[in-house]
Amino acid sequence: EKTYGSTEKIIGNWFKGKKNRDQIILASKVSGPGLSWVRGGGLQYSEKSITEALEKSLKRLQTDYIDLYQLHWPDRPMNIFGSYKHIDGSTNSIESILDALGELVKQGKIRYIGLSNETPWGTMEFLIQSEKKNLPRVQSIQNAYNLLNRNFESGGSEIAFRENVGLLAYSPLAQGYLTGKYQNGALPQGSRKQLFDRLQRYESVGSEKAIDSYLKIAEKNNIDPSQLANQFVTTRPFVTSNIIGATNMDQLKLAVTSVEVDLTEEIEKEIDNAFQLHGNKAN
């Protein structure tokens, strides 16, 4: 809550100083229900709510348009983020959501639209409604995808590949767990888990054994475990972008240079064997 909007303000000041807005592909999101400090909480994707969110983002970003504007998560009742459940209540139709976004596209304030934390059904319904009503077409979907969470492969990947709605994969390192830094109960100072205590999504029964198996594959092949995890995500055919995360320069260098890692057929087979044994360990 204390830092809500700070990222957009930082980027907006950077745009102002560098005068490079036209050189950047800028993406942001509109939040759905669940966060009490965002526009009063209890939010749904109404025309008023979406427009208000966009106008505030444009002001913070010091720009008059956003290239990719995403729905952060669905506003209909469903189970996502592990144990997290949305509030009950009626939701806005996907057609009405597209209508609201379409108006903002006409005004030039949004260029393209995307989804995030969406299901295969939801993605297809957006595509169907956009085609039927000649409304903006979804270009991308930003969902979690990593060695511990390959749920997107069941249904989502085929939509991404065949419908050209590429996956913007977030949490490629499973919020740091695939680096091994939390193994055996470790809690590094300054880590996300130590600061925010909100990573239980990757602490299911058997997750530590699964992580160990991927750490052993990395060690056997003389690859940094974070680079193994990142390159696995980057090389999937349905992935458009791998959203890396770093809090220091060493982590950033490892993430950027992970594209140089050669995932041989043998390594791919080892990864597949580990997945067959352990399966998905997060939602």
C-alpha atoms as a PDB file:
ATOM      1  CA  GLU A   1       0.000   0.000   0.000  1.00  0.00           C
ATOM      2  CA  LYS A   2       2.787   2.424   0.931  1.00  0.00           C
ATOM      3  CA  THR A   3       4.480   2.109  -2.467  1.00  0.00           C
ATOM      4  CA  TYR A   4       1.352   1.889  -4.639  1.00  0.00           C
ATOM      5  CA  GLY A   5       1.990   3.789  -7.895  1.00  0.00           C
ATOM      6  CA  SER A   6       5.687   4.356  -7.163  1.00  0.00           C
ATOM      7  CA  THR A   7       6.959   2.337 -10.127  1.00  0.00           C
ATOM      8  CA  GLU A   8       4.905   4.399 -12.572  1.00  0.00           C
ATOM      9  CA  LYS A   9       6.136   7.624 -10.968  1.00  0.00           C
ATOM     10  CA  ILE A  10       9.764   6.496 -11.244  1.00  0.00           C
ATOM     11  CA  ILE A  11       9.316   5.567 -14.904  1.00  0.00           C
ATOM     12  CA  GLY A  12       7.465   8.828 -15.574  1.00  0.00           C
ATOM     13  CA  ASN A  13      10.328  10.872 -14.139  1.00  0.00           C
ATOM     14  CA  TRP A  14      12.762   8.794 -16.191  1.00  0.00           C
ATOM     15  CA  PHE A  15      10.781   9.542 -19.370  1.00  0.00           C
ATOM     16  CA  LYS A  16      10.815  13.242 -18.516  1.00  0.00           C
ATOM     17  CA  GLY A  17      14.566  13.276 -17.932  1.00  0.00           C
ATOM     18  CA  LYS A  18      15.553  11.120 -20.906  1.00  0.00           C
ATOM     19  CA  LYS A  19      12.889  12.405 -23.325  1.00  0.00           C
ATOM     20  CA  ASN A  20      12.747   8.888 -24.800  1.00  0.00           C
ATOM     21  CA  ARG A  21       9.079   7.928 -24.533  1.00  0.00           C
ATOM     22  CA  ASP A  22       8.835   7.237 -28.275  1.00  0.00           C
ATOM     23  CA  GLN A  23      11.658   4.672 -28.014  1.00  0.00           C
ATOM     24  CA  ILE A  24       9.940   2.564 -25.351  1.00  0.00           C
ATOM     25  CA  ILE A  25       7.187  -0.059 -25.432  1.00  0.00           C
ATOM     26  CA  LEU A  26       5.313   0.748 -22.242  1.00  0.00           C
ATOM     27  CA  ALA A  27       2.981  -1.683 -20.475  1.00  0.00           C
ATOM     28  CA  SER A  28       0.879  -1.186 -17.370  1.00  0.00           C
ATOM     29  CA  LYS A  29      -2.183  -2.725 -15.717  1.00  0.00           C
ATOM     30  CA  VAL A  30      -5.553  -1.968 -14.236  1.00  0.00           C
ATOM     31  CA  SER A  31      -6.160  -3.758 -10.941  1.00  0.00           C
ATOM     32  CA  GLY A  32      -9.224  -5.876 -10.321  1.00  0.00           C
ATOM     33  CA  PRO A  33     -11.025  -6.395  -6.984  1.00  0.00           C
ATOM     34  CA  GLY A  34      -9.186  -7.356  -3.826  1.00  0.00           C
ATOM     35  CA  LEU A  35      -6.875  -4.449  -2.939  1.00  0.00           C
ATOM     36  CA  SER A  36      -8.566  -2.020  -0.550  1.00  0.00           C
ATOM     37  CA  TRP A  37      -6.083   0.794  -1.170  1.00  0.00           C
ATOM     38  CA  VAL A  38      -6.591   0.890  -4.966  1.00  0.00           C
ATOM     39  CA  ARG A  39      -9.351   3.314  -5.950  1.00  0.00           C
ATOM     40  CA  GLY A  40     -11.307   2.473  -2.794  1.00  0.00           C
ATOM     41  CA  GLY A  41     -11.242  -1.312  -3.181  1.00  0.00           C
ATOM     42  CA  GLY A  42     -14.039  -3.637  -4.319  1.00  0.00           C
ATOM     43  CA  LEU A  43     -13.115  -2.858  -7.901  1.00  0.00           C
ATOM     44  CA  GLN A  44     -14.618  -4.348 -10.991  1.00  0.00           C
ATOM     45  CA  TYR A  45     -13.812  -3.646 -14.602  1.00  0.00           C
ATOM     46  CA  SER A  46     -16.496  -1.069 -15.259  1.00  0.00           C
ATOM     47  CA  GLU A  47     -15.998   1.758 -17.739  1.00  0.00           C
ATOM     48  CA  LYS A  48     -15.651   4.214 -14.843  1.00  0.00           C
ATOM     49  CA  SER A  49     -13.107   2.089 -12.950  1.00  0.00           C
ATOM     50  CA  ILE A  50     -10.958   1.330 -16.002  1.00  0.00           C
ATOM     51  CA  THR A  51     -10.985   4.949 -17.169  1.00  0.00           C
ATOM     52  CA  GLU A  52     -10.082   6.246 -13.707  1.00  0.00           C
ATOM     53  CA  ALA A  53      -7.221   3.782 -13.399  1.00  0.00           C
ATOM     54  CA  LEU A  54      -5.855   4.656 -16.816  1.00  0.00           C
ATOM     55  CA  GLU A  55      -6.016   8.414 -16.283  1.00  0.00           C
ATOM     56  CA  LYS A  56      -4.116   8.106 -12.995  1.00  0.00           C
ATOM     57  CA  SER A  57      -1.493   5.874 -14.618  1.00  0.00           C
ATOM     58  CA  LEU A  58      -1.012   8.318 -17.502  1.00  0.00           C
ATOM     59  CA  LYS A  59      -0.468  11.136 -15.010  1.00  0.00           C
ATOM     60  CA  ARG A  60       2.074   9.160 -12.985  1.00  0.00           C
ATOM     61  CA  LEU A  61       3.859   8.000 -16.149  1.00  0.00           C
ATOM     62  CA  GLN A  62       3.871  11.512 -17.627  1.00  0.00           C
ATOM     63  CA  THR A  63       2.680  10.229 -20.994  1.00  0.00           C
ATOM     64  CA  ASP A  64      -0.490  10.456 -23.058  1.00  0.00           C
ATOM     65  CA  TYR A  65      -0.647   6.794 -24.098  1.00  0.00           C
ATOM     66  CA  ILE A  66       0.214   3.259 -22.962  1.00  0.00           C
ATOM     67  CA  ASP A  67       1.263   0.696 -25.554  1.00  0.00           C
ATOM     68  CA  LEU A  68      -0.067  -2.393 -23.745  1.00  0.00           C
ATOM     69  CA  TYR A  69      -2.767  -2.069 -21.099  1.00  0.00           C
ATOM     70  CA  GLN A  70      -3.519  -5.278 -19.178  1.00  0.00           C
ATOM     71  CA  LEU A  71      -6.262  -6.499 -16.865  1.00  0.00           C
ATOM     72  CA  HIS A  72      -4.264  -7.517 -13.803  1.00  0.00           C
ATOM     73  CA  TRP A  73      -6.582 -10.402 -12.931  1.00  0.00           C
ATOM     74  CA  PRO A  74     -10.198 -11.378 -13.713  1.00  0.00           C
ATOM     75  CA  ASP A  75     -12.974  -9.674 -11.779  1.00  0.00           C
ATOM     76  CA  ARG A  76     -15.151 -12.795 -11.747  1.00  0.00           C
ATOM     77  CA  PRO A  77     -15.111 -15.166  -8.709  1.00  0.00           C
ATOM     78  CA  MET A  78     -12.392 -17.793  -9.208  1.00  0.00           C
ATOM     79  CA  ASN A  79      -9.423 -19.378  -7.469  1.00  0.00           C
ATOM     80  CA  ILE A  80      -6.041 -17.954  -8.424  1.00  0.00           C
ATOM     81  CA  PHE A  81      -2.710 -17.191  -6.741  1.00  0.00           C
ATOM     82  CA  GLY A  82      -2.739 -20.450  -4.830  1.00  0.00           C
ATOM     83  CA  SER A  83      -5.188 -20.072  -1.950  1.00  0.00           C
ATOM     84  CA  TYR A  84      -6.350 -16.569  -2.868  1.00  0.00           C
ATOM     85  CA  LYS A  85     -10.050 -16.191  -3.676  1.00  0.00           C
ATOM     86  CA  HIS A  86     -11.780 -13.208  -5.197  1.00  0.00           C
ATOM     87  CA  ILE A  87     -14.654 -11.496  -3.444  1.00  0.00           C
ATOM     88  CA  ASP A  88     -18.108 -12.777  -4.319  1.00  0.00           C
ATOM     89  CA  GLY A  89     -20.563 -10.737  -6.315  1.00  0.00           C
ATOM     90  CA  SER A  90     -21.657  -9.935  -9.829  1.00  0.00           C
ATOM     91  CA  THR A  91     -19.098  -9.160 -12.488  1.00  0.00           C
ATOM     92  CA  ASN A  92     -19.058  -7.123 -15.643  1.00  0.00           C
ATOM     93  CA  SER A  93     -19.441  -9.023 -18.896  1.00  0.00           C
ATOM     94  CA  ILE A  94     -16.368  -9.518 -21.039  1.00  0.00           C
ATOM     95  CA  GLU A  95     -18.167  -7.678 -23.830  1.00  0.00           C
ATOM     96  CA  SER A  96     -18.665  -4.612 -21.618  1.00  0.00           C
ATOM     97  CA  ILE A  97     -15.010  -4.716 -20.534  1.00  0.00           C
ATOM     98  CA  LEU A  98     -13.912  -4.786 -24.162  1.00  0.00           C
ATOM     99  CA  ASP A  99     -16.316  -1.939 -24.923  1.00  0.00           C
ATOM    100  CA  ALA A 100     -14.679   0.201 -22.235  1.00  0.00           C
ATOM    101  CA  LEU A 101     -11.175  -0.638 -23.418  1.00  0.00           C
ATOM    102  CA  GLY A 102     -12.204  -0.083 -27.028  1.00  0.00           C
ATOM    103  CA  GLU A 103     -13.293   3.462 -26.280  1.00  0.00           C
ATOM    104  CA  LEU A 104      -9.891   4.209 -24.752  1.00  0.00           C
ATOM    105  CA  VAL A 105      -8.190   2.711 -27.794  1.00  0.00           C
ATOM    106  CA  LYS A 106     -10.275   5.022 -30.028  1.00  0.00           C
ATOM    107  CA  GLN A 107      -9.132   7.969 -27.923  1.00  0.00           C
ATOM    108  CA  GLY A 108      -5.502   6.958 -28.507  1.00  0.00           C
ATOM    109  CA  LYS A 109      -4.794   6.480 -24.804  1.00  0.00           C
ATOM    110  CA  ILE A 110      -4.232   2.725 -25.236  1.00  0.00           C
ATOM    111  CA  ARG A 111      -2.702   1.041 -28.270  1.00  0.00           C
ATOM    112  CA  TYR A 112      -3.169  -2.644 -27.418  1.00  0.00           C
ATOM    113  CA  ILE A 113      -4.799  -4.670 -24.660  1.00  0.00           C
ATOM    114  CA  GLY A 114      -3.679  -7.741 -22.734  1.00  0.00           C
ATOM    115  CA  LEU A 115      -4.738 -10.119 -19.978  1.00  0.00           C
ATOM    116  CA  SER A 116      -2.983 -11.305 -16.845  1.00  0.00           C
ATOM    117  CA  ASN A 117      -3.582 -14.230 -14.473  1.00  0.00           C
ATOM    118  CA  GLU A 118      -6.287 -15.418 -16.839  1.00  0.00           C
ATOM    119  CA  THR A 119      -7.626 -18.907 -17.588  1.00  0.00           C
ATOM    120  CA  PRO A 120      -7.879 -20.623 -20.987  1.00  0.00           C
ATOM    121  CA  TRP A 121     -11.665 -20.124 -20.924  1.00  0.00           C
ATOM    122  CA  GLY A 122     -11.322 -16.444 -20.131  1.00  0.00           C
ATOM    123  CA  THR A 123      -8.734 -15.898 -22.849  1.00  0.00           C
ATOM    124  CA  MET A 124     -10.879 -17.569 -25.500  1.00  0.00           C
ATOM    125  CA  GLU A 125     -13.995 -15.681 -24.397  1.00  0.00           C
ATOM    126  CA  PHE A 126     -12.157 -12.387 -24.844  1.00  0.00           C
ATOM    127  CA  LEU A 127     -11.067 -13.489 -28.323  1.00  0.00           C
ATOM    128  CA  ILE A 128     -14.570 -14.630 -29.267  1.00  0.00           C
ATOM    129  CA  GLN A 129     -16.233 -11.423 -28.072  1.00  0.00           C
ATOM    130  CA  SER A 130     -13.686  -9.204 -29.799  1.00  0.00           C
ATOM    131  CA  GLU A 131     -14.260 -10.992 -33.105  1.00  0.00           C
ATOM    132  CA  LYS A 132     -18.068 -10.998 -32.794  1.00  0.00           C
ATOM    133  CA  LYS A 133     -18.339  -7.342 -31.820  1.00  0.00           C
ATOM    134  CA  ASN A 134     -15.347  -5.942 -33.718  1.00  0.00           C
ATOM    135  CA  LEU A 135     -13.730  -4.887 -30.445  1.00  0.00           C
ATOM    136  CA  PRO A 136      -9.996  -4.698 -29.541  1.00  0.00           C
ATOM    137  CA  ARG A 137      -8.260  -8.070 -29.732  1.00  0.00           C
ATOM    138  CA  VAL A 138      -6.199  -9.371 -26.831  1.00  0.00           C
ATOM    139  CA  GLN A 139      -2.510  -9.396 -27.794  1.00  0.00           C
ATOM    140  CA  SER A 140      -0.890 -11.054 -24.801  1.00  0.00           C
ATOM    141  CA  ILE A 141      -1.420 -12.845 -21.504  1.00  0.00           C
ATOM    142  CA  GLN A 142       0.821 -12.359 -18.468  1.00  0.00           C
ATOM    143  CA  ASN A 143       0.717 -15.479 -16.281  1.00  0.00           C
ATOM    144  CA  ALA A 144       3.135 -17.162 -13.908  1.00  0.00           C
ATOM    145  CA  TYR A 145       5.273 -19.780 -15.640  1.00  0.00           C
ATOM    146  CA  ASN A 146       8.363 -21.565 -14.366  1.00  0.00           C
ATOM    147  CA  LEU A 147       9.786 -25.014 -13.630  1.00  0.00           C
ATOM    148  CA  LEU A 148       7.580 -25.330 -10.536  1.00  0.00           C
ATOM    149  CA  ASN A 149       4.466 -23.955 -12.205  1.00  0.00           C
ATOM    150  CA  ARG A 150       3.862 -25.225 -15.730  1.00  0.00           C
ATOM    151  CA  ASN A 151       0.070 -25.057 -15.505  1.00  0.00           C
ATOM    152  CA  PHE A 152       0.002 -22.735 -18.507  1.00  0.00           C
ATOM    153  CA  GLU A 153       1.071 -25.630 -20.724  1.00  0.00           C
ATOM    154  CA  SER A 154      -2.339 -27.267 -20.238  1.00  0.00           C
ATOM    155  CA  GLY A 155      -4.661 -25.261 -22.445  1.00  0.00           C
ATOM    156  CA  GLY A 156      -3.025 -21.855 -22.244  1.00  0.00           C
ATOM    157  CA  SER A 157      -0.001 -22.702 -24.351  1.00  0.00           C
ATOM    158  CA  GLU A 158      -2.049 -23.885 -27.324  1.00  0.00           C
ATOM    159  CA  ILE A 159      -4.132 -20.718 -27.256  1.00  0.00           C
ATOM    160  CA  ALA A 160      -0.985 -18.601 -27.048  1.00  0.00           C
ATOM    161  CA  PHE A 161       0.609 -20.453 -29.966  1.00  0.00           C
ATOM    162  CA  ARG A 162      -2.363 -20.877 -32.299  1.00  0.00           C
ATOM    163  CA  GLU A 163      -4.213 -17.635 -31.546  1.00  0.00           C
ATOM    164  CA  ASN A 164      -1.068 -15.498 -31.436  1.00  0.00           C
ATOM    165  CA  VAL A 165      -1.689 -14.354 -27.870  1.00  0.00           C
ATOM    166  CA  GLY A 166       1.848 -14.691 -26.564  1.00  0.00           C
ATOM    167  CA  LEU A 167       2.676 -15.457 -22.950  1.00  0.00           C
ATOM    168  CA  LEU A 168       4.487 -12.756 -20.987  1.00  0.00           C
ATOM    169  CA  ALA A 169       5.827 -15.145 -18.380  1.00  0.00           C
ATOM    170  CA  TYR A 170       6.284 -13.775 -14.883  1.00  0.00           C
ATOM    171  CA  SER A 171       8.101 -15.375 -11.931  1.00  0.00           C
ATOM    172  CA  PRO A 172      10.525 -17.392 -14.112  1.00  0.00           C
ATOM    173  CA  LEU A 173      12.551 -18.106 -10.953  1.00  0.00           C
ATOM    174  CA  ALA A 174       9.444 -18.964  -8.897  1.00  0.00           C
ATOM    175  CA  GLN A 175      10.023 -15.754  -6.918  1.00  0.00           C
ATOM    176  CA  GLY A 176      13.588 -16.798  -6.193  1.00  0.00           C
ATOM    177  CA  TYR A 177      12.976 -20.371  -5.041  1.00  0.00           C
ATOM    178  CA  LEU A 178      14.623 -21.887  -8.127  1.00  0.00           C
ATOM    179  CA  THR A 179      17.908 -20.199  -7.236  1.00  0.00           C
ATOM    180  CA  GLY A 180      18.066 -22.434  -4.168  1.00  0.00           C
ATOM    181  CA  LYS A 181      18.399 -19.531  -1.749  1.00  0.00           C
ATOM    182  CA  TYR A 182      15.436 -20.641   0.387  1.00  0.00           C
ATOM    183  CA  GLN A 183      16.374 -24.330   0.591  1.00  0.00           C
ATOM    184  CA  ASN A 184      16.526 -26.027   3.986  1.00  0.00           C
ATOM    185  CA  GLY A 185      14.671 -23.174   5.654  1.00  0.00           C
ATOM    186  CA  ALA A 186      17.151 -20.452   4.682  1.00  0.00           C
ATOM    187  CA  LEU A 187      15.857 -16.874   4.864  1.00  0.00           C
ATOM    188  CA  PRO A 188      18.392 -14.420   3.380  1.00  0.00           C
ATOM    189  CA  GLN A 189      18.235 -10.868   4.677  1.00  0.00           C
ATOM    190  CA  GLY A 190      16.737  -8.512   2.128  1.00  0.00           C
ATOM    191  CA  SER A 191      15.069 -11.307   0.169  1.00  0.00           C
ATOM    192  CA  ARG A 192      11.441 -10.945  -0.883  1.00  0.00           C
ATOM    193  CA  LYS A 193      10.336 -13.662   1.510  1.00  0.00           C
ATOM    194  CA  GLN A 194      12.161 -12.046   4.428  1.00  0.00           C
ATOM    195  CA  LEU A 195      10.756  -8.615   3.616  1.00  0.00           C
ATOM    196  CA  PHE A 196       7.171  -9.513   2.772  1.00  0.00           C
ATOM    197  CA  ASP A 197       6.513 -13.126   3.906  1.00  0.00           C
ATOM    198  CA  ARG A 198       4.164 -13.798   0.987  1.00  0.00           C
ATOM    199  CA  LEU A 199       5.722 -16.561  -1.083  1.00  0.00           C
ATOM    200  CA  GLN A 200       3.757 -19.544   0.241  1.00  0.00           C
ATOM    201  CA  ARG A 201       2.628 -20.193  -3.338  1.00  0.00           C
ATOM    202  CA  TYR A 202       5.930 -22.066  -3.816  1.00  0.00           C
ATOM    203  CA  GLU A 203       5.986 -23.928  -0.499  1.00  0.00           C
ATOM    204  CA  SER A 204       3.606 -26.795  -1.212  1.00  0.00           C
ATOM    205  CA  VAL A 205       4.243 -30.382  -0.111  1.00  0.00           C
ATOM    206  CA  GLY A 206       7.155 -31.742  -2.111  1.00  0.00           C
ATOM    207  CA  SER A 207       8.262 -28.406  -3.554  1.00  0.00           C
ATOM    208  CA  GLU A 208      11.656 -28.523  -1.839  1.00  0.00           C
ATOM    209  CA  LYS A 209      12.400 -31.933  -3.380  1.00  0.00           C
ATOM    210  CA  ALA A 210      11.360 -30.623  -6.780  1.00  0.00           C
ATOM    211  CA  ILE A 211      13.652 -27.613  -6.396  1.00  0.00           C
ATOM    212  CA  ASP A 212      16.509 -29.898  -5.356  1.00  0.00           C
ATOM    213  CA  SER A 213      16.100 -31.896  -8.555  1.00  0.00           C
ATOM    214  CA  TYR A 214      16.459 -28.777 -10.731  1.00  0.00           C
ATOM    215  CA  LEU A 215      19.406 -27.542  -8.667  1.00  0.00           C
ATOM    216  CA  LYS A 216      21.146 -30.883  -9.261  1.00  0.00           C
ATOM    217  CA  ILE A 217      20.532 -30.626 -13.017  1.00  0.00           C
ATOM    218  CA  ALA A 218      22.109 -27.165 -13.015  1.00  0.00           C
ATOM    219  CA  GLU A 219      25.095 -28.332 -10.957  1.00  0.00           C
ATOM    220  CA  LYS A 220      25.643 -31.418 -13.109  1.00  0.00           C
ATOM    221  CA  ASN A 221      25.751 -29.298 -16.259  1.00  0.00           C
ATOM    222  CA  ASN A 222      27.777 -26.450 -14.718  1.00  0.00           C
ATOM    223  CA  ILE A 223      24.983 -23.919 -15.159  1.00  0.00           C
ATOM    224  CA  ASP A 224      23.862 -21.328 -12.653  1.00  0.00           C
ATOM    225  CA  PRO A 225      20.413 -22.503 -11.432  1.00  0.00           C
ATOM    226  CA  SER A 226      18.824 -19.116 -12.093  1.00  0.00           C
ATOM    227  CA  GLN A 227      20.100 -19.190 -15.658  1.00  0.00           C
ATOM    228  CA  LEU A 228      18.775 -22.709 -16.174  1.00  0.00           C
ATOM    229  CA  ALA A 229      15.347 -21.632 -14.948  1.00  0.00           C
ATOM    230  CA  ASN A 230      15.308 -18.439 -17.004  1.00  0.00           C
ATOM    231  CA  GLN A 231      16.454 -20.068 -20.224  1.00  0.00           C
ATOM    232  CA  PHE A 232      13.873 -22.828 -19.862  1.00  0.00           C
ATOM    233  CA  VAL A 233      11.142 -20.184 -19.863  1.00  0.00           C
ATOM    234  CA  THR A 234      12.702 -18.085 -22.635  1.00  0.00           C
ATOM    235  CA  THR A 235      12.997 -21.020 -25.048  1.00  0.00           C
ATOM    236  CA  ARG A 236       9.382 -22.212 -24.901  1.00  0.00           C
ATOM    237  CA  PRO A 237       7.694 -21.613 -28.296  1.00  0.00           C
ATOM    238  CA  PHE A 238       4.580 -19.994 -26.795  1.00  0.00           C
ATOM    239  CA  VAL A 239       6.518 -17.422 -24.732  1.00  0.00           C
ATOM    240  CA  THR A 240       6.693 -13.883 -26.120  1.00  0.00           C
ATOM    241  CA  SER A 241       8.632 -12.336 -23.237  1.00  0.00           C
ATOM    242  CA  ASN A 242      10.322 -13.592 -20.106  1.00  0.00           C
ATOM    243  CA  ILE A 243       9.726 -11.035 -17.345  1.00  0.00           C
ATOM    244  CA  ILE A 244      12.952 -11.226 -15.376  1.00  0.00           C
ATOM    245  CA  GLY A 245      13.274  -9.845 -11.864  1.00  0.00           C
ATOM    246  CA  ALA A 246      16.405  -8.556 -10.139  1.00  0.00           C
ATOM    247  CA  THR A 247      17.212  -6.492  -7.068  1.00  0.00           C
ATOM    248  CA  ASN A 248      20.940  -6.052  -7.714  1.00  0.00           C
ATOM    249  CA  MET A 249      23.336  -5.904 -10.646  1.00  0.00           C
ATOM    250  CA  ASP A 250      24.697  -9.431 -10.144  1.00  0.00           C
ATOM    251  CA  GLN A 251      21.199 -10.881 -10.430  1.00  0.00           C
ATOM    252  CA  LEU A 252      20.471  -8.727 -13.478  1.00  0.00           C
ATOM    253  CA  LYS A 253      23.650  -9.870 -15.259  1.00  0.00           C
ATOM    254  CA  LEU A 254      22.775 -13.516 -14.613  1.00  0.00           C
ATOM    255  CA  ALA A 255      19.267 -12.985 -15.977  1.00  0.00           C
ATOM    256  CA  VAL A 256      20.366 -11.145 -19.111  1.00  0.00           C
ATOM    257  CA  THR A 257      23.158 -13.602 -19.965  1.00  0.00           C
ATOM    258  CA  SER A 258      20.900 -16.624 -19.414  1.00  0.00           C
ATOM    259  CA  VAL A 259      20.060 -16.432 -23.145  1.00  0.00           C
ATOM    260  CA  GLU A 260      23.578 -17.750 -23.795  1.00  0.00           C
ATOM    261  CA  VAL A 261      22.849 -21.037 -21.998  1.00  0.00           C
ATOM    262  CA  ASP A 262      22.545 -24.008 -24.342  1.00  0.00           C
ATOM    263  CA  LEU A 263      19.727 -26.277 -23.218  1.00  0.00           C
ATOM    264  CA  THR A 264      20.814 -29.433 -24.988  1.00  0.00           C
ATOM    265  CA  GLU A 265      18.486 -32.338 -25.709  1.00  0.00           C
ATOM    266  CA  GLU A 266      20.059 -34.160 -22.771  1.00  0.00           C
ATOM    267  CA  ILE A 267      19.341 -31.267 -20.386  1.00  0.00           C
ATOM    268  CA  GLU A 268      15.802 -30.939 -21.722  1.00  0.00           C
ATOM    269  CA  LYS A 269      15.292 -34.647 -21.058  1.00  0.00           C
ATOM    270  CA  GLU A 270      16.599 -34.290 -17.507  1.00  0.00           C
ATOM    271  CA  ILE A 271      14.212 -31.388 -16.904  1.00  0.00           C
ATOM    272  CA  ASP A 272      11.322 -33.380 -18.343  1.00  0.00           C
ATOM    273  CA  ASN A 273      12.162 -36.389 -16.156  1.00  0.00           C
ATOM    274  CA  ALA A 274      12.198 -34.177 -13.057  1.00  0.00           C
ATOM    275  CA  PHE A 275       8.857 -32.680 -14.024  1.00  0.00           C
ATOM    276  CA  GLN A 276       7.319 -36.102 -14.619  1.00  0.00           C
ATOM    277  CA  LEU A 277       8.429 -37.092 -11.141  1.00  0.00           C
ATOM    278  CA  HIS A 278       7.437 -33.936  -9.246  1.00  0.00           C
ATOM    279  CA  GLY A 279       4.804 -32.196 -11.402  1.00  0.00           C
ATOM    280  CA  ASN A 280       3.490 -28.697 -10.720  1.00  0.00           C
ATOM    281  CA  LYS A 281       4.185 -27.436  -7.227  1.00  0.00           C
ATOM    282  CA  ALA A 282       2.389 -24.088  -7.422  1.00  0.00           C
ATOM    283  CA  ASN A 283      -0.803 -22.540  -8.796  1.00  0.00           C
END
